[in-house]
Amino acid sequence: MQTGAQAAREAGNMVDLDSDPTKVIE
């Protein structure tokens, strides 16, 4: 999530700029 911690953003291979978990459907 874009609103999340820096470590989380660094670890993921996607960043949801809207920080909406249901975005995973899209």
PDB file of all heavy atoms in Angstrom:
ATOM      1  N   MET A   1       0.843  -1.187   0.000  1.00  0.00           N
ATOM      2  CA  MET A   1       0.000   0.000   0.000  1.00  0.00           C
ATOM      3  C   MET A   1       0.889   1.252   0.000  1.00  0.00           C
ATOM      4  O   MET A   1       1.871   1.323   0.736  1.00  0.00           O
ATOM      5  CB  MET A   1      -0.908   0.027   1.228  1.00  0.00           C
ATOM      6  CG  MET A   1      -1.815  -1.194   1.397  1.00  0.00           C
ATOM      7  SD  MET A   1      -3.077  -1.360   0.115  1.00  0.00           S
ATOM      8  CE  MET A   1      -2.447  -2.783  -0.793  1.00  0.00           C
ATOM      9  N   GLN A   2       0.531   2.223  -0.825  1.00  0.00           N
ATOM     10  CA  GLN A   2       1.285   3.474  -0.868  1.00  0.00           C
ATOM     11  C   GLN A   2       1.304   4.174   0.486  1.00  0.00           C
ATOM     12  O   GLN A   2       2.276   4.829   0.847  1.00  0.00           O
ATOM     13  CB  GLN A   2       0.686   4.391  -1.946  1.00  0.00           C
ATOM     14  CG  GLN A   2       1.039   5.864  -1.827  1.00  0.00           C
ATOM     15  CD  GLN A   2       2.522   6.132  -2.031  1.00  0.00           C
ATOM     16  OE1 GLN A   2       3.257   5.268  -2.452  1.00  0.00           O
ATOM     17  NE2 GLN A   2       2.948   7.348  -1.725  1.00  0.00           N
ATOM     18  N   THR A   3       0.241   4.018   1.270  1.00  0.00           N
ATOM     19  CA  THR A   3       0.181   4.662   2.580  1.00  0.00           C
ATOM     20  C   THR A   3       0.988   3.909   3.622  1.00  0.00           C
ATOM     21  O   THR A   3       1.101   4.360   4.759  1.00  0.00           O
ATOM     22  CB  THR A   3      -1.278   4.739   3.075  1.00  0.00           C
ATOM     23  OG1 THR A   3      -1.832   3.409   3.111  1.00  0.00           O
ATOM     24  CG2 THR A   3      -2.115   5.610   2.159  1.00  0.00           C
ATOM     25  N   GLY A   4       1.535   2.767   3.247  1.00  0.00           N
ATOM     26  CA  GLY A   4       2.224   1.914   4.210  1.00  0.00           C
ATOM     27  C   GLY A   4       3.647   2.339   4.488  1.00  0.00           C
ATOM     28  O   GLY A   4       4.139   3.375   4.032  1.00  0.00           O
ATOM     29  N   ALA A   5       4.330   1.481   5.263  1.00  0.00           N
ATOM     30  CA  ALA A   5       5.700   1.755   5.666  1.00  0.00           C
ATOM     31  C   ALA A   5       6.643   1.661   4.471  1.00  0.00           C
ATOM     32  O   ALA A   5       6.388   0.949   3.498  1.00  0.00           O
ATOM     33  CB  ALA A   5       6.128   0.767   6.750  1.00  0.00           C
ATOM     34  N   GLN A   6       7.753   2.392   4.570  1.00  0.00           N
ATOM     35  CA  GLN A   6       8.739   2.400   3.495  1.00  0.00           C
ATOM     36  C   GLN A   6       9.261   0.983   3.218  1.00  0.00           C
ATOM     37  O   GLN A   6       9.460   0.601   2.064  1.00  0.00           O
ATOM     38  CB  GLN A   6       9.904   3.318   3.885  1.00  0.00           C
ATOM     39  CG  GLN A   6      10.964   3.485   2.802  1.00  0.00           C
ATOM     40  CD  GLN A   6      10.492   4.342   1.650  1.00  0.00           C
ATOM     41  OE1 GLN A   6       9.503   5.067   1.781  1.00  0.00           O
ATOM     42  NE2 GLN A   6      11.179   4.267   0.532  1.00  0.00           N
ATOM     43  N   ALA A   7       9.474   0.206   4.275  1.00  0.00           N
ATOM     44  CA  ALA A   7       9.997  -1.148   4.095  1.00  0.00           C
ATOM     45  C   ALA A   7       9.045  -2.000   3.268  1.00  0.00           C
ATOM     46  O   ALA A   7       9.480  -2.817   2.445  1.00  0.00           O
ATOM     47  CB  ALA A   7      10.229  -1.799   5.459  1.00  0.00           C
ATOM     48  N   ALA A   8       7.748  -1.825   3.470  1.00  0.00           N
ATOM     49  CA  ALA A   8       6.759  -2.585   2.705  1.00  0.00           C
ATOM     50  C   ALA A   8       6.791  -2.186   1.238  1.00  0.00           C
ATOM     51  O   ALA A   8       6.737  -3.041   0.347  1.00  0.00           O
ATOM     52  CB  ALA A   8       5.362  -2.366   3.293  1.00  0.00           C
ATOM     53  N   ARG A   9       6.900  -0.905   0.976  1.00  0.00           N
ATOM     54  CA  ARG A   9       6.927  -0.445  -0.415  1.00  0.00           C
ATOM     55  C   ARG A   9       8.179  -0.941  -1.132  1.00  0.00           C
ATOM     56  O   ARG A   9       8.153  -1.219  -2.331  1.00  0.00           O
ATOM     57  CB  ARG A   9       6.845   1.080  -0.472  1.00  0.00           C
ATOM     58  CG  ARG A   9       5.524   1.629   0.026  1.00  0.00           C
ATOM     59  CD  ARG A   9       5.362   3.095  -0.277  1.00  0.00           C
ATOM     60  NE  ARG A   9       6.377   3.925   0.333  1.00  0.00           N
ATOM     61  CZ  ARG A   9       6.421   5.250   0.251  1.00  0.00           C
ATOM     62  NH1 ARG A   9       5.488   5.879  -0.445  1.00  0.00           N
ATOM     63  NH2 ARG A   9       7.357   5.941   0.840  1.00  0.00           N
ATOM     64  N   GLU A  10       9.279  -1.038  -0.407  1.00  0.00           N
ATOM     65  CA  GLU A  10      10.524  -1.521  -1.002  1.00  0.00           C
ATOM     66  C   GLU A  10      10.441  -3.013  -1.295  1.00  0.00           C
ATOM     67  O   GLU A  10      11.000  -3.502  -2.275  1.00  0.00           O
ATOM     68  CB  GLU A  10      11.695  -1.253  -0.051  1.00  0.00           C
ATOM     69  CG  GLU A  10      12.017   0.220   0.174  1.00  0.00           C
ATOM     70  CD  GLU A  10      12.762   0.829  -0.993  1.00  0.00           C
ATOM     71  OE1 GLU A  10      13.150   0.083  -1.901  1.00  0.00           O
ATOM     72  OE2 GLU A  10      12.959   2.063  -0.996  1.00  0.00           O
ATOM     73  N   ALA A  11       9.739  -3.769  -0.449  1.00  0.00           N
ATOM     74  CA  ALA A  11       9.718  -5.226  -0.572  1.00  0.00           C
ATOM     75  C   ALA A  11       8.776  -5.711  -1.661  1.00  0.00           C
ATOM     76  O   ALA A  11       9.029  -6.737  -2.299  1.00  0.00           O
ATOM     77  CB  ALA A  11       9.325  -5.855   0.766  1.00  0.00           C
ATOM     78  N   GLY A  12       7.662  -5.015  -1.887  1.00  0.00           N
ATOM     79  CA  GLY A  12       6.676  -5.471  -2.865  1.00  0.00           C
ATOM     80  C   GLY A  12       7.142  -5.251  -4.287  1.00  0.00           C
ATOM     81  O   GLY A  12       8.042  -4.451  -4.557  1.00  0.00           O
ATOM     82  N   ASN A  13       6.537  -5.991  -5.229  1.00  0.00           N
ATOM     83  CA  ASN A  13       6.831  -5.738  -6.643  1.00  0.00           C
ATOM     84  C   ASN A  13       5.697  -4.990  -7.327  1.00  0.00           C
ATOM     85  O   ASN A  13       5.693  -4.825  -8.535  1.00  0.00           O
ATOM     86  CB  ASN A  13       7.146  -7.031  -7.394  1.00  0.00           C
ATOM     87  CG  ASN A  13       6.152  -8.139  -7.133  1.00  0.00           C
ATOM     88  OD1 ASN A  13       4.986  -7.875  -6.847  1.00  0.00           O
ATOM     89  ND2 ASN A  13       6.596  -9.381  -7.216  1.00  0.00           N
ATOM     90  N   MET A  14       4.730  -4.565  -6.530  1.00  0.00           N
ATOM     91  CA  MET A  14       3.691  -3.643  -6.991  1.00  0.00           C
ATOM     92  C   MET A  14       3.372  -2.687  -5.854  1.00  0.00           C
ATOM     93  O   MET A  14       3.481  -3.051  -4.684  1.00  0.00           O
ATOM     94  CB  MET A  14       2.405  -4.384  -7.388  1.00  0.00           C
ATOM     95  CG  MET A  14       2.510  -5.231  -8.623  1.00  0.00           C
ATOM     96  SD  MET A  14       0.880  -5.872  -9.110  1.00  0.00           S
ATOM     97  CE  MET A  14       1.376  -6.976 -10.443  1.00  0.00           C
ATOM     98  N   VAL A  15       2.984  -1.471  -6.206  1.00  0.00           N
ATOM     99  CA  VAL A  15       2.571  -0.485  -5.215  1.00  0.00           C
ATOM    100  C   VAL A  15       1.199   0.038  -5.614  1.00  0.00           C
ATOM    101  O   VAL A  15       1.016   0.541  -6.724  1.00  0.00           O
ATOM    102  CB  VAL A  15       3.569   0.685  -5.113  1.00  0.00           C
ATOM    103  CG1 VAL A  15       3.073   1.713  -4.102  1.00  0.00           C
ATOM    104  CG2 VAL A  15       4.953   0.188  -4.715  1.00  0.00           C
ATOM    105  N   ASP A  16       0.240  -0.120  -4.703  1.00  0.00           N
ATOM    106  CA  ASP A  16      -1.110   0.388  -4.939  1.00  0.00           C
ATOM    107  C   ASP A  16      -1.158   1.836  -4.471  1.00  0.00           C
ATOM    108  O   ASP A  16      -1.126   2.116  -3.281  1.00  0.00           O
ATOM    109  CB  ASP A  16      -2.128  -0.458  -4.171  1.00  0.00           C
ATOM    110  CG  ASP A  16      -3.554   0.052  -4.327  1.00  0.00           C
ATOM    111  OD1 ASP A  16      -3.763   0.942  -5.174  1.00  0.00           O
ATOM    112  OD2 ASP A  16      -4.437  -0.423  -3.606  1.00  0.00           O
ATOM    113  N   LEU A  17      -1.209   2.759  -5.426  1.00  0.00           N
ATOM    114  CA  LEU A  17      -1.157   4.180  -5.098  1.00  0.00           C
ATOM    115  C   LEU A  17      -2.408   4.658  -4.385  1.00  0.00           C
ATOM    116  O   LEU A  17      -2.397   5.714  -3.751  1.00  0.00           O
ATOM    117  CB  LEU A  17      -0.931   5.003  -6.373  1.00  0.00           C
ATOM    118  CG  LEU A  17       0.339   4.661  -7.160  1.00  0.00           C
ATOM    119  CD1 LEU A  17       0.434   5.527  -8.403  1.00  0.00           C
ATOM    120  CD2 LEU A  17       1.577   4.810  -6.301  1.00  0.00           C
ATOM    121  N   ASP A  18      -3.506   3.895  -4.470  1.00  0.00           N
ATOM    122  CA  ASP A  18      -4.741   4.260  -3.782  1.00  0.00           C
ATOM    123  C   ASP A  18      -4.883   3.572  -2.433  1.00  0.00           C
ATOM    124  O   ASP A  18      -5.836   3.833  -1.699  1.00  0.00           O
ATOM    125  CB  ASP A  18      -5.965   3.908  -4.642  1.00  0.00           C
ATOM    126  CG  ASP A  18      -6.037   4.745  -5.908  1.00  0.00           C
ATOM    127  OD1 ASP A  18      -5.563   5.893  -5.865  1.00  0.00           O
ATOM    128  OD2 ASP A  18      -6.541   4.247  -6.919  1.00  0.00           O
ATOM    129  N   SER A  19      -3.971   2.638  -2.129  1.00  0.00           N
ATOM    130  CA  SER A  19      -3.997   1.893  -0.860  1.00  0.00           C
ATOM    131  C   SER A  19      -5.357   1.241  -0.629  1.00  0.00           C
ATOM    132  O   SER A  19      -5.933   1.320   0.445  1.00  0.00           O
ATOM    133  CB  SER A  19      -3.639   2.820   0.313  1.00  0.00           C
ATOM    134  OG  SER A  19      -2.341   3.336   0.164  1.00  0.00           O
ATOM    135  N   ASP A  20      -5.841   0.572  -1.661  1.00  0.00           N
ATOM    136  CA  ASP A  20      -7.131  -0.113  -1.600  1.00  0.00           C
ATOM    137  C   ASP A  20      -6.894  -1.605  -1.785  1.00  0.00           C
ATOM    138  O   ASP A  20      -6.543  -2.052  -2.881  1.00  0.00           O
ATOM    139  CB  ASP A  20      -8.055   0.410  -2.702  1.00  0.00           C
ATOM    140  CG  ASP A  20      -9.392  -0.314  -2.755  1.00  0.00           C
ATOM    141  OD1 ASP A  20      -9.661  -1.138  -1.861  1.00  0.00           O
ATOM    142  OD2 ASP A  20     -10.156  -0.051  -3.698  1.00  0.00           O
ATOM    143  N   PRO A  21      -7.064  -2.425  -0.728  1.00  0.00           N
ATOM    144  CA  PRO A  21      -6.749  -3.844  -0.849  1.00  0.00           C
ATOM    145  C   PRO A  21      -7.607  -4.574  -1.868  1.00  0.00           C
ATOM    146  O   PRO A  21      -7.177  -5.579  -2.429  1.00  0.00           O
ATOM    147  CB  PRO A  21      -7.004  -4.385   0.566  1.00  0.00           C
ATOM    148  CG  PRO A  21      -7.969  -3.423   1.179  1.00  0.00           C
ATOM    149  CD  PRO A  21      -7.599  -2.092   0.616  1.00  0.00           C
ATOM    150  N   THR A  22      -8.825  -4.082  -2.100  1.00  0.00           N
ATOM    151  CA  THR A  22      -9.674  -4.751  -3.081  1.00  0.00           C
ATOM    152  C   THR A  22      -9.157  -4.516  -4.504  1.00  0.00           C
ATOM    153  O   THR A  22      -9.646  -5.141  -5.443  1.00  0.00           O
ATOM    154  CB  THR A  22     -11.129  -4.259  -2.977  1.00  0.00           C
ATOM    155  OG1 THR A  22     -11.188  -2.860  -3.294  1.00  0.00           O
ATOM    156  CG2 THR A  22     -11.668  -4.459  -1.573  1.00  0.00           C
ATOM    157  N   LYS A  23      -8.185  -3.615  -4.648  1.00  0.00           N
ATOM    158  CA  LYS A  23      -7.596  -3.356  -5.968  1.00  0.00           C
ATOM    159  C   LYS A  23      -6.959  -4.620  -6.538  1.00  0.00           C
ATOM    160  O   LYS A  23      -6.736  -4.706  -7.753  1.00  0.00           O
ATOM    161  CB  LYS A  23      -6.556  -2.251  -5.827  1.00  0.00           C
ATOM    162  CG  LYS A  23      -5.978  -1.732  -7.137  1.00  0.00           C
ATOM    163  CD  LYS A  23      -6.959  -0.871  -7.891  1.00  0.00           C
ATOM    164  CE  LYS A  23      -7.231   0.401  -7.123  1.00  0.00           C
ATOM    165  NZ  LYS A  23      -6.081   1.264  -6.950  1.00  0.00           N
ATOM    166  N   VAL A  24      -6.662  -5.588  -5.676  1.00  0.00           N
ATOM    167  CA  VAL A  24      -6.024  -6.818  -6.157  1.00  0.00           C
ATOM    168  C   VAL A  24      -6.894  -7.518  -7.188  1.00  0.00           C
ATOM    169  O   VAL A  24      -6.390  -8.253  -8.041  1.00  0.00           O
ATOM    170  CB  VAL A  24      -5.712  -7.754  -4.976  1.00  0.00           C
ATOM    171  CG1 VAL A  24      -6.974  -8.404  -4.428  1.00  0.00           C
ATOM    172  CG2 VAL A  24      -4.718  -8.833  -5.393  1.00  0.00           C
ATOM    173  N   ILE A  25      -8.200  -7.275  -7.150  1.00  0.00           N
ATOM    174  CA  ILE A  25      -9.083  -7.866  -8.158  1.00  0.00           C
ATOM    175  C   ILE A  25      -8.723  -7.331  -9.538  1.00  0.00           C
ATOM    176  O   ILE A  25      -8.579  -8.083 -10.507  1.00  0.00           O
ATOM    177  CB  ILE A  25     -10.554  -7.571  -7.829  1.00  0.00           C
ATOM    178  CG1 ILE A  25     -10.944  -8.282  -6.535  1.00  0.00           C
ATOM    179  CG2 ILE A  25     -11.470  -8.007  -8.968  1.00  0.00           C
ATOM    180  CD1 ILE A  25     -12.347  -8.025  -6.092  1.00  0.00           C
ATOM    181  N   GLU A  26      -8.539  -6.007  -9.631  1.00  0.00           N
ATOM    182  CA  GLU A  26      -8.132  -5.427 -10.910  1.00  0.00           C
ATOM    183  C   GLU A  26      -6.748  -5.924 -11.319  1.00  0.00           C
ATOM    184  O   GLU A  26      -6.478  -6.162 -12.497  1.00  0.00           O
ATOM    185  CB  GLU A  26      -8.127  -3.897 -10.830  1.00  0.00           C
ATOM    186  CG  GLU A  26      -9.492  -3.250 -10.933  1.00  0.00           C
ATOM    187  CD  GLU A  26     -10.185  -3.156  -9.579  1.00  0.00           C
ATOM    188  OE1 GLU A  26      -9.661  -3.747  -8.609  1.00  0.00           O
ATOM    189  OE2 GLU A  26     -11.238  -2.508  -9.500  1.00  0.00           O
TER     190      GLU A  26
END
